[in-house]
Amino acid sequence: MEHEDRISSFTPSITATVSGVAADLKELLLSELTLTKLEFQRELAKAKAAAILFFAGAGLAVMGAIALVFMLVHLLATLTDVPLWGCFGIVGAALVLFSALMLASGKSKSKDVTLPHSPVAIRKDFNA
């Protein structure tokens, strides 16, 4: 009998066990939320660094393209008897024509694209 009293005095109650599990669950959830927040912040910092490099590279590429266009205009002026303003017109017209062809091609290809419904549209359809 005395042995059973000793065992029961060391056995935690069900309330204490449930309270302990609830406290552990709360701590685990808070740890997971903190970890998720830190991972998101780290990924956001990496995306920010990548975006800065991308846009800096794009800016340099645009400046390089402008320099190449000027070089092409002056090369055309040097190799022909066309005045400089005429060379700018020729190169500008060629660029406008080429870009118009690209835009038309892109527009025709965009007609073939079918996008899936967004989750918001699906949710609206589901709730209707």
N, C-alpha and C. Protein backbone atom coordinates (compact mmCIF):
# COMPACT_ATOMS: atom_id res chain seq x y z
N MET A 1 0.81 -1.17 0.00
CA MET A 1 0.00 0.00 0.00
C MET A 1 0.87 1.25 0.00
N GLU A 2 1.87 1.22 0.82
CA GLU A 2 2.79 2.36 0.90
C GLU A 2 3.52 2.55 -0.43
N HIS A 3 3.84 1.46 -1.07
CA HIS A 3 4.51 1.51 -2.38
C HIS A 3 3.62 2.17 -3.43
N GLU A 4 2.32 1.87 -3.43
CA GLU A 4 1.37 2.47 -4.37
C GLU A 4 1.24 3.96 -4.12
N ASP A 5 1.27 4.43 -2.87
CA ASP A 5 1.17 5.85 -2.57
C ASP A 5 2.38 6.60 -3.10
N ARG A 6 3.54 5.95 -3.00
CA ARG A 6 4.75 6.57 -3.52
C ARG A 6 4.67 6.75 -5.04
N ILE A 7 4.20 5.73 -5.75
CA ILE A 7 4.08 5.78 -7.20
C ILE A 7 3.07 6.85 -7.60
N SER A 8 1.93 6.90 -6.94
CA SER A 8 0.91 7.88 -7.29
C SER A 8 1.37 9.30 -6.98
N SER A 9 2.24 9.48 -6.00
CA SER A 9 2.71 10.82 -5.69
C SER A 9 3.69 11.32 -6.76
N PHE A 10 4.36 10.43 -7.46
CA PHE A 10 5.28 10.83 -8.54
C PHE A 10 4.59 10.93 -9.90
N THR A 11 3.45 10.32 -10.06
CA THR A 11 2.74 10.34 -11.32
C THR A 11 2.04 11.70 -11.48
N PRO A 12 2.32 12.42 -12.57
CA PRO A 12 1.66 13.71 -12.74
C PRO A 12 0.19 13.53 -13.05
N SER A 13 -0.59 14.51 -12.68
CA SER A 13 -2.03 14.41 -12.94
C SER A 13 -2.29 14.65 -14.42
N ILE A 14 -3.48 14.27 -14.84
CA ILE A 14 -3.86 14.45 -16.24
C ILE A 14 -3.89 15.93 -16.58
N THR A 15 -4.36 16.76 -15.68
CA THR A 15 -4.41 18.20 -15.92
C THR A 15 -3.01 18.77 -16.13
N ALA A 16 -2.07 18.34 -15.32
CA ALA A 16 -0.70 18.82 -15.45
C ALA A 16 -0.10 18.35 -16.77
N THR A 17 -0.41 17.12 -17.16
CA THR A 17 0.10 16.59 -18.42
C THR A 17 -0.46 17.36 -19.61
N VAL A 18 -1.78 17.59 -19.60
CA VAL A 18 -2.43 18.33 -20.68
C VAL A 18 -1.89 19.77 -20.71
N SER A 19 -1.71 20.38 -19.55
CA SER A 19 -1.17 21.74 -19.49
C SER A 19 0.25 21.78 -20.05
N GLY A 20 1.04 20.78 -19.73
CA GLY A 20 2.40 20.71 -20.25
C GLY A 20 2.43 20.55 -21.76
N VAL A 21 1.56 19.69 -22.27
CA VAL A 21 1.47 19.49 -23.72
C VAL A 21 1.02 20.78 -24.40
N ALA A 22 0.04 21.47 -23.83
CA ALA A 22 -0.44 22.72 -24.40
C ALA A 22 0.66 23.78 -24.40
N ALA A 23 1.41 23.86 -23.32
CA ALA A 23 2.52 24.83 -23.26
C ALA A 23 3.59 24.49 -24.28
N ASP A 24 3.89 23.21 -24.42
CA ASP A 24 4.88 22.80 -25.42
C ASP A 24 4.40 23.10 -26.84
N LEU A 25 3.11 22.86 -27.09
CA LEU A 25 2.54 23.13 -28.40
C LEU A 25 2.59 24.62 -28.71
N LYS A 26 2.27 25.45 -27.72
CA LYS A 26 2.33 26.90 -27.90
C LYS A 26 3.76 27.34 -28.20
N GLU A 27 4.71 26.80 -27.47
CA GLU A 27 6.12 27.15 -27.69
C GLU A 27 6.58 26.70 -29.07
N LEU A 28 6.15 25.51 -29.48
CA LEU A 28 6.51 25.00 -30.80
C LEU A 28 5.92 25.87 -31.91
N LEU A 29 4.67 26.27 -31.78
CA LEU A 29 4.04 27.12 -32.79
C LEU A 29 4.72 28.48 -32.86
N LEU A 30 5.04 29.06 -31.71
CA LEU A 30 5.74 30.34 -31.70
C LEU A 30 7.12 30.22 -32.34
N SER A 31 7.80 29.12 -32.08
CA SER A 31 9.11 28.90 -32.69
C SER A 31 8.99 28.76 -34.20
N GLU A 32 7.98 28.04 -34.66
CA GLU A 32 7.76 27.87 -36.10
C GLU A 32 7.43 29.19 -36.76
N LEU A 33 6.59 30.00 -36.13
CA LEU A 33 6.26 31.31 -36.69
C LEU A 33 7.48 32.21 -36.76
N THR A 34 8.30 32.18 -35.74
CA THR A 34 9.52 32.97 -35.73
C THR A 34 10.47 32.52 -36.83
N LEU A 35 10.61 31.21 -36.96
CA LEU A 35 11.48 30.66 -38.00
C LEU A 35 10.97 31.03 -39.39
N THR A 36 9.68 30.92 -39.60
CA THR A 36 9.09 31.28 -40.89
C THR A 36 9.31 32.76 -41.19
N LYS A 37 9.14 33.60 -40.19
CA LYS A 37 9.35 35.04 -40.37
C LYS A 37 10.81 35.32 -40.74
N LEU A 38 11.74 34.68 -40.06
CA LEU A 38 13.16 34.89 -40.34
C LEU A 38 13.53 34.39 -41.74
N GLU A 39 12.99 33.24 -42.13
CA GLU A 39 13.25 32.71 -43.47
C GLU A 39 12.70 33.64 -44.54
N PHE A 40 11.50 34.18 -44.29
CA PHE A 40 10.90 35.12 -45.24
C PHE A 40 11.74 36.38 -45.36
N GLN A 41 12.22 36.90 -44.24
CA GLN A 41 13.06 38.09 -44.27
C GLN A 41 14.36 37.83 -45.02
N ARG A 42 14.94 36.64 -44.83
CA ARG A 42 16.18 36.31 -45.52
C ARG A 42 15.94 36.19 -47.03
N GLU A 43 14.85 35.55 -47.43
CA GLU A 43 14.54 35.42 -48.85
C GLU A 43 14.21 36.78 -49.46
N LEU A 44 13.55 37.64 -48.70
CA LEU A 44 13.24 38.98 -49.19
C LEU A 44 14.52 39.78 -49.40
N ALA A 45 15.48 39.63 -48.49
CA ALA A 45 16.76 40.32 -48.64
C ALA A 45 17.51 39.82 -49.88
N LYS A 46 17.46 38.50 -50.12
CA LYS A 46 18.11 37.95 -51.31
C LYS A 46 17.42 38.45 -52.58
N ALA A 47 16.09 38.52 -52.56
CA ALA A 47 15.35 39.01 -53.73
C ALA A 47 15.66 40.48 -53.97
N LYS A 48 15.79 41.25 -52.90
CA LYS A 48 16.12 42.67 -53.03
C LYS A 48 17.50 42.85 -53.66
N ALA A 49 18.47 42.07 -53.20
CA ALA A 49 19.82 42.16 -53.77
C ALA A 49 19.82 41.75 -55.24
N ALA A 50 19.07 40.72 -55.57
CA ALA A 50 19.00 40.27 -56.97
C ALA A 50 18.32 41.34 -57.84
N ALA A 51 17.27 41.97 -57.32
CA ALA A 51 16.58 43.01 -58.09
C ALA A 51 17.48 44.21 -58.33
N ILE A 52 18.25 44.58 -57.32
CA ILE A 52 19.17 45.71 -57.49
C ILE A 52 20.19 45.41 -58.58
N LEU A 53 20.76 44.20 -58.54
CA LEU A 53 21.73 43.82 -59.57
C LEU A 53 21.09 43.75 -60.95
N PHE A 54 19.86 43.22 -61.01
CA PHE A 54 19.16 43.11 -62.29
C PHE A 54 18.92 44.48 -62.90
N PHE A 55 18.39 45.40 -62.11
CA PHE A 55 18.07 46.72 -62.65
C PHE A 55 19.33 47.53 -62.94
N ALA A 56 20.37 47.35 -62.16
CA ALA A 56 21.64 48.02 -62.48
C ALA A 56 22.18 47.50 -63.81
N GLY A 57 22.12 46.19 -64.02
CA GLY A 57 22.55 45.60 -65.28
C GLY A 57 21.69 46.06 -66.44
N ALA A 58 20.38 46.15 -66.21
CA ALA A 58 19.49 46.61 -67.27
C ALA A 58 19.77 48.07 -67.62
N GLY A 59 20.05 48.89 -66.62
CA GLY A 59 20.39 50.29 -66.87
C GLY A 59 21.67 50.42 -67.68
N LEU A 60 22.67 49.62 -67.31
CA LEU A 60 23.92 49.66 -68.08
C LEU A 60 23.71 49.15 -69.50
N ALA A 61 22.85 48.15 -69.66
CA ALA A 61 22.57 47.64 -71.00
C ALA A 61 21.89 48.69 -71.86
N VAL A 62 20.98 49.44 -71.28
CA VAL A 62 20.30 50.51 -72.03
C VAL A 62 21.30 51.58 -72.45
N MET A 63 22.18 51.97 -71.52
CA MET A 63 23.20 52.97 -71.86
C MET A 63 24.12 52.45 -72.95
N GLY A 64 24.48 51.18 -72.89
CA GLY A 64 25.32 50.59 -73.93
C GLY A 64 24.61 50.55 -75.27
N ALA A 65 23.32 50.24 -75.25
CA ALA A 65 22.55 50.21 -76.50
C ALA A 65 22.47 51.61 -77.12
N ILE A 66 22.29 52.61 -76.29
CA ILE A 66 22.25 53.99 -76.81
C ILE A 66 23.60 54.35 -77.43
N ALA A 67 24.69 53.98 -76.76
CA ALA A 67 26.02 54.27 -77.30
C ALA A 67 26.23 53.55 -78.63
N LEU A 68 25.75 52.30 -78.73
CA LEU A 68 25.89 51.56 -79.99
C LEU A 68 25.05 52.18 -81.11
N VAL A 69 23.89 52.70 -80.78
CA VAL A 69 23.07 53.36 -81.79
C VAL A 69 23.78 54.62 -82.30
N PHE A 70 24.35 55.40 -81.38
CA PHE A 70 25.10 56.59 -81.81
C PHE A 70 26.30 56.19 -82.68
N MET A 71 26.97 55.10 -82.29
CA MET A 71 28.10 54.63 -83.08
C MET A 71 27.63 54.23 -84.49
N LEU A 72 26.50 53.56 -84.57
CA LEU A 72 25.97 53.14 -85.85
C LEU A 72 25.61 54.34 -86.72
N VAL A 73 25.02 55.36 -86.11
CA VAL A 73 24.67 56.57 -86.85
C VAL A 73 25.93 57.23 -87.41
N HIS A 74 26.95 57.39 -86.57
CA HIS A 74 28.19 58.04 -87.02
C HIS A 74 28.94 57.18 -88.04
N LEU A 75 28.87 55.86 -87.89
CA LEU A 75 29.48 54.98 -88.88
C LEU A 75 28.80 55.16 -90.23
N LEU A 76 27.47 55.21 -90.22
CA LEU A 76 26.71 55.41 -91.45
C LEU A 76 27.04 56.76 -92.08
N ALA A 77 27.19 57.78 -91.25
CA ALA A 77 27.54 59.12 -91.75
C ALA A 77 28.94 59.13 -92.35
N THR A 78 29.84 58.38 -91.76
CA THR A 78 31.22 58.33 -92.25
C THR A 78 31.32 57.58 -93.57
N LEU A 79 30.58 56.49 -93.70
CA LEU A 79 30.70 55.63 -94.88
C LEU A 79 29.85 56.10 -96.05
N THR A 80 28.91 57.01 -95.83
CA THR A 80 28.04 57.48 -96.92
C THR A 80 28.11 59.00 -97.02
N ASP A 81 27.45 59.53 -98.03
CA ASP A 81 27.37 60.98 -98.20
C ASP A 81 26.11 61.56 -97.56
N VAL A 82 25.36 60.75 -96.82
CA VAL A 82 24.13 61.21 -96.17
C VAL A 82 24.51 62.11 -94.99
N PRO A 83 23.81 63.27 -94.83
CA PRO A 83 24.13 64.13 -93.69
C PRO A 83 23.80 63.42 -92.36
N LEU A 84 24.38 63.95 -91.28
CA LEU A 84 24.22 63.31 -89.97
C LEU A 84 22.76 63.19 -89.56
N TRP A 85 21.97 64.24 -89.82
CA TRP A 85 20.55 64.17 -89.46
C TRP A 85 19.84 63.08 -90.25
N GLY A 86 20.23 62.85 -91.45
CA GLY A 86 19.65 61.79 -92.27
C GLY A 86 20.03 60.41 -91.74
N CYS A 87 21.26 60.29 -91.26
CA CYS A 87 21.70 59.01 -90.68
C CYS A 87 20.91 58.70 -89.41
N PHE A 88 20.66 59.74 -88.59
CA PHE A 88 19.82 59.54 -87.41
C PHE A 88 18.42 59.10 -87.83
N GLY A 89 17.89 59.70 -88.87
CA GLY A 89 16.56 59.32 -89.36
C GLY A 89 16.52 57.89 -89.86
N ILE A 90 17.55 57.48 -90.59
CA ILE A 90 17.59 56.11 -91.12
C ILE A 90 17.66 55.09 -89.99
N VAL A 91 18.58 55.33 -89.05
CA VAL A 91 18.74 54.38 -87.94
C VAL A 91 17.48 54.39 -87.06
N GLY A 92 16.93 55.57 -86.80
CA GLY A 92 15.71 55.66 -85.99
C GLY A 92 14.54 54.95 -86.65
N ALA A 93 14.39 55.14 -87.95
CA ALA A 93 13.30 54.48 -88.68
C ALA A 93 13.47 52.97 -88.67
N ALA A 94 14.71 52.51 -88.83
CA ALA A 94 14.96 51.06 -88.79
C ALA A 94 14.62 50.49 -87.42
N LEU A 95 14.97 51.21 -86.36
CA LEU A 95 14.65 50.74 -85.01
C LEU A 95 13.14 50.73 -84.76
N VAL A 96 12.45 51.77 -85.23
CA VAL A 96 11.00 51.82 -85.06
C VAL A 96 10.33 50.68 -85.84
N LEU A 97 10.79 50.42 -87.06
CA LEU A 97 10.23 49.34 -87.85
C LEU A 97 10.46 47.99 -87.18
N PHE A 98 11.69 47.78 -86.72
CA PHE A 98 12.01 46.52 -86.05
C PHE A 98 11.18 46.34 -84.78
N SER A 99 11.03 47.41 -84.00
CA SER A 99 10.24 47.30 -82.76
C SER A 99 8.77 47.08 -83.07
N ALA A 100 8.24 47.69 -84.14
CA ALA A 100 6.85 47.49 -84.53
C ALA A 100 6.61 46.03 -84.93
N LEU A 101 7.57 45.45 -85.66
CA LEU A 101 7.45 44.03 -86.02
C LEU A 101 7.47 43.14 -84.78
N MET A 102 8.34 43.46 -83.83
CA MET A 102 8.40 42.68 -82.59
C MET A 102 7.11 42.81 -81.78
N LEU A 103 6.58 44.04 -81.69
CA LEU A 103 5.32 44.24 -80.96
C LEU A 103 4.17 43.49 -81.61
N ALA A 104 4.10 43.53 -82.93
CA ALA A 104 3.03 42.82 -83.64
C ALA A 104 3.15 41.32 -83.43
N SER A 105 4.39 40.81 -83.47
CA SER A 105 4.61 39.39 -83.24
C SER A 105 4.22 39.00 -81.81
N GLY A 106 4.60 39.84 -80.86
CA GLY A 106 4.24 39.56 -79.47
C GLY A 106 2.75 39.60 -79.24
N LYS A 107 2.07 40.55 -79.92
CA LYS A 107 0.62 40.64 -79.78
C LYS A 107 -0.06 39.40 -80.35
N SER A 108 0.41 38.93 -81.50
CA SER A 108 -0.22 37.74 -82.09
C SER A 108 0.05 36.50 -81.24
N LYS A 109 1.23 36.42 -80.65
CA LYS A 109 1.53 35.26 -79.79
C LYS A 109 0.76 35.33 -78.47
N SER A 110 0.43 36.53 -78.01
CA SER A 110 -0.30 36.66 -76.74
C SER A 110 -1.73 36.17 -76.86
N LYS A 111 -2.24 36.09 -78.08
CA LYS A 111 -3.61 35.59 -78.26
C LYS A 111 -3.68 34.10 -77.97
N ASP A 112 -2.57 33.39 -78.08
CA ASP A 112 -2.55 31.95 -77.82
C ASP A 112 -2.45 31.62 -76.35
N VAL A 113 -2.19 32.62 -75.51
CA VAL A 113 -1.99 32.38 -74.08
C VAL A 113 -3.33 32.30 -73.38
N THR A 114 -3.53 31.24 -72.63
CA THR A 114 -4.71 31.11 -71.78
C THR A 114 -4.24 30.95 -70.35
N LEU A 115 -4.65 31.87 -69.52
CA LEU A 115 -4.24 31.84 -68.13
C LEU A 115 -5.27 31.09 -67.31
N PRO A 116 -4.82 30.34 -66.32
CA PRO A 116 -5.78 29.67 -65.44
C PRO A 116 -6.51 30.70 -64.58
N HIS A 117 -7.63 30.29 -64.03
CA HIS A 117 -8.37 31.19 -63.15
C HIS A 117 -7.54 31.49 -61.92
N SER A 118 -7.63 32.71 -61.46
CA SER A 118 -6.93 33.06 -60.23
C SER A 118 -7.70 32.49 -59.05
N PRO A 119 -7.03 32.29 -57.91
CA PRO A 119 -7.74 31.77 -56.73
C PRO A 119 -8.88 32.68 -56.31
N VAL A 120 -8.75 33.98 -56.52
CA VAL A 120 -9.81 34.91 -56.14
C VAL A 120 -11.03 34.66 -57.02
N ALA A 121 -10.81 34.49 -58.33
CA ALA A 121 -11.92 34.23 -59.24
C ALA A 121 -12.58 32.90 -58.92
N ILE A 122 -11.79 31.90 -58.59
CA ILE A 122 -12.35 30.59 -58.23
C ILE A 122 -13.17 30.71 -56.96
N ARG A 123 -12.66 31.46 -55.99
CA ARG A 123 -13.36 31.64 -54.73
C ARG A 123 -14.68 32.36 -54.98
N LYS A 124 -14.66 33.38 -55.85
CA LYS A 124 -15.90 34.09 -56.17
C LYS A 124 -16.88 33.18 -56.86
N ASP A 125 -16.39 32.34 -57.81
CA ASP A 125 -17.26 31.40 -58.50
C ASP A 125 -17.83 30.38 -57.53
N PHE A 126 -17.01 29.96 -56.58
CA PHE A 126 -17.44 28.94 -55.61
C PHE A 126 -18.49 29.49 -54.68
N ASN A 127 -18.33 30.75 -54.25
CA ASN A 127 -19.26 31.35 -53.31
C ASN A 127 -20.55 31.80 -53.98
N ALA A 128 -20.54 31.93 -55.30
CA ALA A 128 -21.74 32.42 -55.99
C ALA A 128 -22.81 31.38 -56.05
